[in-house]
Amino acid sequence: MSSESVPPPGKVSRRSLALAGIVAGLVVVFVVVNGVWSRNASEAKLKETTDAQSIPTVAVIKPDLGGNKSSLDLPGRLEAYSRAPIYSRVSGFLKAWHVDIGMPVKAGQLLAEIEAPDVDQQLLQAKAALASAQAAETLATVTAQRWQTLGGSNAVSKQTVDEKAGDLTVKQALTKAAQANVDRLLVLQDFKRVIAPFDGIVTTRNTDLGALINADSSAGLALFVISDTQKLRLNVSIPQNYVPAVKLNTKVEITVPEYPGKVFYGTVEASARSVDAASGTTRMQVVVDNKAGELMPGAFANTRIQLPENSLALSIPAGALIFGQKGLRVAVVDADSKVLLKNVTIARDLGQVVEIATGLERTDRVIDSPPDGLSDGDPVRVVTPAAATATARK
């Protein structure tokens, strides 16, 4: 090689510098282009992810068709079918009592005897007054007959005869009044014997030997209380919206605290057929057979009334309901996966499940537990309930 073709040491040709510059420029361009492309791809991916996350994920359910078994649980109070507080009709002192609390009695059985000296004296006085009236009537009868005889012979004036006849009429009326007073006191004397009005049990005794008895004092305590416990009455207050479902002869399950786990049965016998304005309930009476004597009048009881089923009712979970200014609504998903809000009315609220009366179709896809802020036309992503639960946990 000649000395002219070899470049001198420490010097680079212009061609090499140009080539190196081109390579460096290409590298810079590649880095810039790659950075811009990566940034745009990241922004696009971020936008796609943000858009995807902005569409709510919902689980849809179909309304259930068929009756829901439900019951109405209400408190009640047991009462004797027949209950009679026994008061005295005569004043006096208690001479003797023959029955105590818890004893069974028959109709007409003697419960107690009252010593009433005032009534005895009044009877003696009335009998004397009756004897006097009868004597006066006898004399007036004889006198009237004599004057009528004299009047027939024109020995006396007709006016005098009429006066004697009128006096006889007055005496007869006084005799009847005296007899009525005697009869009244005789009947009143019978009330010195206090008797049971019907078969039952003595549930209260509020008197004892020598106690002062005041006649017709119904404001005070009764001498005895007789209760017929062969059958019991149970009064329950039915909320107004359930009254049509609880008809006469409906069976009622009854439980009491003293017999845990045991169920007694009764039948709806009567309804007040009116609504109490204060409580919004209707009083109904349930009759309970108590021949075994296990239930006690006055006891607290829990009742359970099975409500009739509606086989055509559409049911959805209570969590699917939306409460707002536009009323009660549910959110359904249409064929384009968009939200459609429908106004509905409730037929029965069964707690976790509600029966829909109007506004919902059997084929509707109802959003279960709809998120806040849903509006008509909002797009949603529909998943199965299991997938929705997994998404929510994430």
Protein backbone atom coordinates (compact mmCIF):
# COMPACT_ATOMS: atom_id res chain seq x y z
CA MET A 1 0.00 0.00 0.00
CA SER A 2 1.23 3.43 -0.88
CA SER A 3 1.70 6.11 1.66
CA GLU A 4 -0.91 8.34 -0.09
CA SER A 5 -3.93 5.91 0.57
CA VAL A 6 -3.46 5.61 4.37
CA PRO A 7 -4.88 8.51 6.37
CA PRO A 8 -2.60 10.06 8.83
CA PRO A 9 -2.95 8.96 12.46
CA GLY A 10 -5.53 10.87 14.70
CA LYS A 11 -7.65 12.04 11.81
CA VAL A 12 -11.06 10.61 10.66
CA SER A 13 -12.38 10.98 7.19
CA ARG A 14 -15.38 13.07 6.47
CA ARG A 15 -17.25 10.07 5.12
CA SER A 16 -16.94 8.22 8.41
CA LEU A 17 -18.17 11.22 10.34
CA ALA A 18 -21.16 11.60 8.06
CA LEU A 19 -22.02 7.92 8.40
CA ALA A 20 -21.78 8.09 12.17
CA GLY A 21 -24.01 11.16 12.21
CA ILE A 22 -26.61 9.44 10.10
CA VAL A 23 -26.64 6.41 12.39
CA ALA A 24 -26.92 8.61 15.47
CA GLY A 25 -29.78 10.55 13.91
CA LEU A 26 -31.63 7.34 13.06
CA VAL A 27 -31.24 6.14 16.62
CA VAL A 28 -32.59 9.42 17.96
CA VAL A 29 -35.54 9.31 15.57
CA PHE A 30 -36.27 5.72 16.53
CA VAL A 31 -36.22 6.56 20.23
CA VAL A 32 -38.50 9.56 19.72
CA VAL A 33 -40.94 7.67 17.51
CA ASN A 34 -41.00 4.71 19.89
CA GLY A 35 -41.63 6.99 22.85
CA VAL A 36 -44.49 8.79 21.07
CA TRP A 37 -46.02 5.51 19.93
CA SER A 38 -45.75 3.99 23.44
CA ARG A 39 -47.32 7.06 24.96
CA ASN A 40 -50.22 7.05 22.50
CA ALA A 41 -50.73 3.31 23.05
CA SER A 42 -50.74 3.79 26.82
CA GLU A 43 -53.23 6.66 26.56
CA ALA A 44 -55.47 4.58 24.30
CA LYS A 45 -55.28 1.62 26.65
CA LEU A 46 -55.97 3.88 29.64
CA LYS A 47 -58.96 5.41 27.87
CA GLU A 48 -60.25 1.98 26.97
CA THR A 49 -59.85 0.80 30.55
CA THR A 50 -61.49 3.95 31.93
CA ASP A 51 -64.41 3.65 29.51
CA ALA A 52 -64.81 -0.01 30.44
CA GLN A 53 -64.80 0.78 34.13
CA SER A 54 -67.29 3.61 33.71
CA ILE A 55 -69.92 1.11 32.53
CA PRO A 56 -71.45 -0.42 35.68
CA THR A 57 -71.51 -4.18 36.00
CA VAL A 58 -74.89 -5.47 37.12
CA ALA A 59 -76.52 -8.80 37.86
CA VAL A 60 -79.99 -9.39 36.50
CA ILE A 61 -82.75 -11.69 37.72
CA LYS A 62 -86.08 -12.81 36.34
CA PRO A 63 -89.20 -12.19 38.45
CA ASP A 64 -90.41 -15.34 40.16
CA LEU A 65 -93.88 -16.49 39.22
CA GLY A 66 -95.81 -18.33 41.90
CA GLY A 67 -97.29 -17.95 45.34
CA ASN A 68 -95.15 -17.04 48.31
CA LYS A 69 -96.01 -18.65 51.60
CA SER A 70 -96.28 -15.99 54.25
CA SER A 71 -97.79 -15.61 57.67
CA LEU A 72 -98.94 -12.81 59.91
CA ASP A 73 -97.45 -12.94 63.41
CA LEU A 74 -99.30 -10.86 65.98
CA PRO A 75 -99.60 -10.70 69.78
CA GLY A 76 -102.91 -11.35 71.50
CA ARG A 77 -104.56 -11.70 74.90
CA LEU A 78 -106.59 -14.71 76.00
CA GLU A 79 -109.95 -14.09 77.68
CA ALA A 80 -112.65 -16.34 79.10
CA TYR A 81 -115.43 -17.03 76.62
CA SER A 82 -117.95 -16.01 79.29
CA ARG A 83 -116.99 -13.97 82.35
CA ALA A 84 -119.37 -12.68 85.00
CA PRO A 85 -118.44 -10.48 87.97
CA ILE A 86 -120.94 -11.31 90.76
CA TYR A 87 -122.25 -8.37 92.83
CA SER A 88 -124.82 -8.33 95.61
CA ARG A 89 -128.35 -7.02 95.15
CA VAL A 90 -128.91 -6.66 98.91
CA SER A 91 -127.00 -4.84 101.62
CA GLY A 92 -125.82 -6.67 104.71
CA PHE A 93 -123.01 -8.83 105.99
CA LEU A 94 -121.50 -11.96 104.48
CA LYS A 95 -122.85 -14.87 106.47
CA ALA A 96 -120.94 -17.66 104.66
CA TRP A 97 -119.03 -18.42 101.44
CA HIS A 98 -118.93 -21.91 99.93
CA VAL A 99 -116.48 -21.70 97.02
CA ASP A 100 -112.94 -20.44 96.62
CA ILE A 101 -110.74 -19.52 93.66
CA GLY A 102 -110.03 -22.31 91.21
CA MET A 103 -113.12 -24.31 92.15
CA PRO A 104 -115.46 -25.45 89.36
CA VAL A 105 -119.11 -24.51 89.82
CA LYS A 106 -122.39 -25.39 88.13
CA ALA A 107 -125.15 -23.04 87.08
CA GLY A 108 -127.38 -22.30 90.12
CA GLN A 109 -124.80 -23.50 92.66
CA LEU A 110 -124.73 -21.56 95.95
CA LEU A 111 -121.65 -19.37 96.23
CA ALA A 112 -122.33 -17.38 99.39
CA GLU A 113 -125.06 -16.29 101.82
CA ILE A 114 -125.72 -12.75 102.98
CA GLU A 115 -127.37 -11.72 106.22
CA ALA A 116 -129.63 -8.74 105.44
CA PRO A 117 -131.62 -7.61 108.52
CA ASP A 118 -132.69 -4.40 106.81
CA VAL A 119 -134.41 -6.35 104.04
CA ASP A 120 -136.09 -8.62 106.59
CA GLN A 121 -137.48 -5.64 108.46
CA GLN A 122 -138.64 -3.99 105.24
CA LEU A 123 -140.46 -7.19 104.32
CA LEU A 124 -142.25 -7.32 107.68
CA GLN A 125 -143.24 -3.68 107.30
CA ALA A 126 -144.47 -4.29 103.76
CA LYS A 127 -146.57 -7.26 104.85
CA ALA A 128 -148.17 -5.14 107.59
CA ALA A 129 -148.89 -2.40 105.07
CA LEU A 130 -150.45 -5.00 102.79
CA ALA A 131 -152.69 -6.28 105.60
CA SER A 132 -153.80 -2.72 106.37
CA ALA A 133 -154.55 -2.05 102.70
CA GLN A 134 -156.51 -5.26 102.39
CA ALA A 135 -158.59 -4.37 105.47
CA ALA A 136 -159.27 -0.91 104.08
CA GLU A 137 -160.26 -2.41 100.75
CA THR A 138 -162.68 -4.85 102.47
CA LEU A 139 -164.35 -2.01 104.36
CA ALA A 140 -164.53 0.13 101.24
CA THR A 141 -166.12 -2.76 99.36
CA VAL A 142 -168.89 -3.22 101.96
CA THR A 143 -169.48 0.53 102.16
CA ALA A 144 -169.71 0.89 98.40
CA GLN A 145 -172.19 -1.97 98.14
CA ARG A 146 -174.44 -0.45 100.85
CA TRP A 147 -174.44 2.98 99.23
CA GLN A 148 -175.24 1.47 95.86
CA THR A 149 -178.30 -0.22 97.46
CA LEU A 150 -179.41 3.07 99.02
CA GLY A 151 -178.84 4.84 95.72
CA GLY A 152 -181.17 2.42 93.98
CA SER A 153 -183.99 3.47 96.33
CA ASN A 154 -183.23 7.18 95.85
CA ALA A 155 -182.52 7.50 99.58
CA VAL A 156 -179.15 9.14 98.93
CA SER A 157 -177.76 11.27 96.16
CA LYS A 158 -176.00 9.74 93.17
CA GLN A 159 -172.97 11.90 93.92
CA THR A 160 -172.45 10.20 97.26
CA VAL A 161 -172.76 6.75 95.68
CA ASP A 162 -170.10 7.65 93.09
CA GLU A 163 -167.75 8.92 95.81
CA LYS A 164 -167.99 5.61 97.69
CA ALA A 165 -167.35 3.66 94.49
CA GLY A 166 -164.30 5.83 93.76
CA ASP A 167 -162.98 5.29 97.29
CA LEU A 168 -163.23 1.55 96.71
CA THR A 169 -161.18 1.88 93.53
CA VAL A 170 -158.50 3.82 95.42
CA LYS A 171 -158.37 1.19 98.17
CA GLN A 172 -158.02 -1.58 95.59
CA ALA A 173 -155.09 0.26 93.95
CA LEU A 174 -153.40 0.72 97.34
CA THR A 175 -153.76 -2.99 98.01
CA LYS A 176 -152.15 -3.84 94.68
CA ALA A 177 -149.26 -1.43 95.39
CA ALA A 178 -148.71 -2.97 98.82
CA GLN A 179 -148.78 -6.46 97.30
CA ALA A 180 -146.24 -5.42 94.65
CA ASN A 181 -143.92 -4.08 97.36
CA VAL A 182 -144.16 -7.35 99.26
CA ASP A 183 -143.41 -9.31 96.09
CA ARG A 184 -140.41 -7.10 95.40
CA LEU A 185 -138.95 -7.66 98.83
CA LEU A 186 -139.58 -11.40 98.59
CA VAL A 187 -137.60 -11.48 95.36
CA LEU A 188 -134.91 -9.30 96.96
CA GLN A 189 -134.67 -11.77 99.83
CA ASP A 190 -133.79 -14.47 97.31
CA PHE A 191 -130.67 -12.45 96.46
CA LYS A 192 -129.34 -13.16 99.94
CA ARG A 193 -128.28 -16.41 98.32
CA VAL A 194 -125.51 -15.65 95.77
CA ILE A 195 -125.57 -18.30 93.03
CA ALA A 196 -123.50 -19.06 89.92
CA PRO A 197 -125.06 -17.86 86.63
CA PHE A 198 -123.42 -20.58 84.48
CA ASP A 199 -120.95 -23.46 84.58
CA GLY A 200 -117.39 -22.27 85.04
CA ILE A 201 -114.51 -21.70 87.42
CA VAL A 202 -114.22 -19.22 90.29
CA THR A 203 -111.34 -17.01 89.18
CA THR A 204 -111.75 -14.30 91.85
CA ARG A 205 -113.07 -14.06 95.42
CA ASN A 206 -113.00 -10.60 97.00
CA THR A 207 -115.00 -11.14 100.20
CA ASP A 208 -114.84 -12.96 103.52
CA LEU A 209 -116.97 -13.74 106.58
CA GLY A 210 -118.50 -10.67 108.19
CA ALA A 211 -117.60 -8.35 105.32
CA LEU A 212 -119.93 -5.42 104.78
CA ILE A 213 -121.88 -5.81 101.56
CA ASN A 214 -123.25 -2.79 99.70
CA ALA A 215 -126.09 -3.44 97.30
CA ASP A 216 -125.58 -2.65 93.60
CA SER A 217 -122.04 -1.36 94.22
CA SER A 218 -120.73 -2.21 90.76
CA ALA A 219 -118.05 0.45 91.10
CA GLY A 220 -116.25 -1.62 93.73
CA LEU A 221 -114.85 -5.13 93.72
CA ALA A 222 -117.11 -8.02 92.76
CA LEU A 223 -117.78 -10.68 95.40
CA PHE A 224 -116.81 -13.41 92.93
CA VAL A 225 -115.84 -13.68 89.29
CA ILE A 226 -117.03 -16.76 87.39
CA SER A 227 -115.28 -17.60 84.11
CA ASP A 228 -116.17 -20.20 81.51
CA THR A 229 -112.78 -21.51 80.39
CA GLN A 230 -113.95 -24.46 78.29
CA LYS A 231 -113.53 -22.08 75.38
CA LEU A 232 -111.41 -18.96 75.28
CA ARG A 233 -111.52 -15.80 73.23
CA LEU A 234 -108.34 -14.39 71.74
CA ASN A 235 -108.46 -10.82 70.50
CA VAL A 236 -105.95 -9.80 67.84
CA SER A 237 -105.57 -6.54 65.90
CA ILE A 238 -105.12 -7.14 62.16
CA PRO A 239 -103.40 -4.38 60.10
CA GLN A 240 -105.80 -2.83 57.62
CA ASN A 241 -104.04 -4.06 54.46
CA TYR A 242 -104.22 -7.69 55.67
CA VAL A 243 -107.89 -7.66 56.71
CA PRO A 244 -109.23 -8.95 53.34
CA ALA A 245 -106.88 -11.95 53.57
CA VAL A 246 -108.06 -12.98 57.05
CA LYS A 247 -111.57 -14.32 56.59
CA LEU A 248 -113.96 -15.92 59.05
CA ASN A 249 -113.12 -19.55 59.96
CA THR A 250 -109.42 -18.95 59.19
CA LYS A 251 -107.22 -21.27 61.25
CA VAL A 252 -104.83 -19.61 63.70
CA GLU A 253 -101.75 -21.10 65.38
CA ILE A 254 -101.29 -20.03 69.00
CA THR A 255 -98.26 -20.34 71.26
CA VAL A 256 -97.83 -19.30 74.89
CA PRO A 257 -94.63 -18.86 76.92
CA GLU A 258 -95.54 -21.51 79.51
CA TYR A 259 -95.65 -24.26 76.86
CA PRO A 260 -92.59 -23.69 74.63
CA GLY A 261 -92.75 -25.62 71.38
CA LYS A 262 -96.42 -26.55 71.77
CA VAL A 263 -98.93 -25.16 69.29
CA PHE A 264 -102.62 -24.64 70.04
CA TYR A 265 -105.19 -23.95 67.34
CA GLY A 266 -108.09 -21.55 67.10
CA THR A 267 -110.56 -20.26 64.52
CA VAL A 268 -111.46 -16.70 63.57
CA GLU A 269 -115.07 -16.36 64.75
CA ALA A 270 -115.87 -12.67 64.46
CA SER A 271 -114.54 -9.41 63.04
CA ALA A 272 -115.27 -5.87 64.20
CA ARG A 273 -115.60 -4.87 60.52
CA SER A 274 -114.26 -1.44 61.32
CA VAL A 275 -110.82 0.13 61.45
CA ASP A 276 -109.52 1.75 64.61
CA ALA A 277 -108.41 5.21 63.51
CA ALA A 278 -105.71 5.36 66.18
CA SER A 279 -103.95 2.08 65.31
CA GLY A 280 -105.12 1.40 61.73
CA THR A 281 -106.14 -2.14 62.68
CA THR A 282 -109.30 -4.22 62.79
CA ARG A 283 -110.10 -6.25 65.88
CA MET A 284 -110.82 -9.91 65.25
CA GLN A 285 -111.88 -12.57 67.72
CA VAL A 286 -110.41 -16.07 67.69
CA VAL A 287 -112.10 -18.93 69.55
CA VAL A 288 -109.80 -21.50 71.16
CA ASP A 289 -110.89 -24.91 72.46
CA ASN A 290 -109.62 -25.26 76.03
CA LYS A 291 -111.32 -28.40 77.34
CA ALA A 292 -107.97 -29.64 78.65
CA GLY A 293 -107.68 -26.46 80.73
CA GLU A 294 -104.09 -25.79 79.69
CA LEU A 295 -104.65 -22.17 78.66
CA MET A 296 -105.52 -19.49 81.19
CA PRO A 297 -107.66 -16.40 80.68
CA GLY A 298 -105.71 -13.17 80.82
CA ALA A 299 -102.54 -14.81 79.47
CA PHE A 300 -100.39 -13.32 76.70
CA ALA A 301 -100.20 -15.36 73.48
CA ASN A 302 -98.49 -15.18 70.09
CA THR A 303 -100.58 -15.89 67.02
CA ARG A 304 -99.60 -16.93 63.51
CA ILE A 305 -102.09 -16.62 60.66
CA GLN A 306 -101.18 -18.23 57.33
CA LEU A 307 -101.96 -15.83 54.50
CA PRO A 308 -103.34 -17.12 51.17
CA GLU A 309 -100.96 -17.52 48.25
CA ASN A 310 -101.28 -15.69 44.91
CA SER A 311 -100.14 -18.06 42.16
CA LEU A 312 -100.04 -15.23 39.56
CA ALA A 313 -97.93 -12.82 41.59
CA LEU A 314 -94.50 -11.70 40.34
CA SER A 315 -91.91 -11.63 43.12
CA ILE A 316 -88.53 -9.88 43.26
CA PRO A 317 -86.00 -9.30 46.07
CA ALA A 318 -86.67 -6.21 48.14
CA GLY A 319 -83.15 -5.00 47.27
CA ALA A 320 -84.18 -4.50 43.63
CA LEU A 321 -86.53 -1.64 44.52
CA ILE A 322 -85.49 1.98 43.93
CA PHE A 323 -87.07 4.68 46.11
CA GLY A 324 -86.97 8.20 44.69
CA GLN A 325 -88.89 11.35 43.96
CA LYS A 326 -90.63 9.65 41.05
CA GLY A 327 -92.00 6.94 43.28
CA LEU A 328 -91.19 3.28 43.61
CA ARG A 329 -89.32 1.88 40.59
CA VAL A 330 -87.21 -1.03 39.42
CA ALA A 331 -84.36 -0.99 36.88
CA VAL A 332 -84.57 -3.47 34.00
CA VAL A 333 -82.09 -4.14 31.18
CA ASP A 334 -83.39 -4.00 27.61
CA ALA A 335 -82.13 -5.91 24.55
CA ASP A 336 -79.40 -3.27 23.95
CA SER A 337 -78.00 -3.67 27.48
CA LYS A 338 -79.34 -0.29 28.49
CA VAL A 339 -81.24 0.64 31.62
CA LEU A 340 -85.01 1.16 31.62
CA LEU A 341 -86.64 2.38 34.84
CA LYS A 342 -90.20 1.16 35.46
CA ASN A 343 -92.69 2.40 38.03
CA VAL A 344 -94.20 -0.44 40.05
CA THR A 345 -96.70 -0.97 42.86
CA ILE A 346 -96.38 -3.50 45.66
CA ALA A 347 -99.07 -6.06 46.34
CA ARG A 348 -97.49 -7.58 49.45
CA ASP A 349 -94.30 -6.81 51.35
CA LEU A 350 -92.95 -10.11 52.69
CA GLY A 351 -89.70 -8.75 54.08
CA GLN A 352 -86.83 -9.92 51.87
CA VAL A 353 -89.23 -10.56 49.00
CA VAL A 354 -91.98 -8.31 47.62
CA GLU A 355 -94.88 -9.21 45.35
CA ILE A 356 -95.40 -6.73 42.51
CA ALA A 357 -98.95 -5.76 41.62
CA THR A 358 -98.35 -3.63 38.50
CA GLY A 359 -95.54 -2.32 36.31
CA LEU A 360 -93.47 -5.49 35.76
CA GLU A 361 -93.52 -8.23 33.12
CA ARG A 362 -92.59 -11.86 33.51
CA THR A 363 -89.85 -11.51 30.81
CA ASP A 364 -88.18 -8.43 32.30
CA ARG A 365 -84.53 -8.67 33.33
CA VAL A 366 -84.50 -6.90 36.67
CA ILE A 367 -81.25 -5.48 38.06
CA ASP A 368 -80.62 -6.92 41.50
CA SER A 369 -79.25 -4.33 43.97
CA PRO A 370 -78.94 -1.53 41.35
CA PRO A 371 -76.05 0.95 41.88
CA ASP A 372 -76.81 4.55 42.74
CA GLY A 373 -77.25 7.10 39.98
CA LEU A 374 -78.73 4.83 37.30
CA SER A 375 -80.78 6.67 34.70
CA ASP A 376 -82.85 5.67 31.70
CA GLY A 377 -80.61 4.75 28.76
CA ASP A 378 -77.42 4.16 30.76
CA PRO A 379 -75.35 1.28 29.33
CA VAL A 380 -74.55 -1.60 31.68
CA ARG A 381 -72.56 -4.80 31.55
CA VAL A 382 -74.68 -7.79 32.48
CA VAL A 383 -73.07 -10.66 34.38
CA THR A 384 -74.39 -13.63 36.24
CA PRO A 385 -75.08 -13.12 39.96
CA ALA A 386 -72.02 -15.27 40.85
CA ALA A 387 -69.73 -13.22 38.61
CA ALA A 388 -71.16 -9.99 39.99
CA THR A 389 -70.40 -11.14 43.53
CA ALA A 390 -66.79 -11.98 42.56
CA THR A 391 -66.39 -8.60 40.87
CA ALA A 392 -67.73 -6.80 43.91
CA ARG A 393 -65.25 -8.65 46.16
CA LYS A 394 -62.34 -7.52 43.95
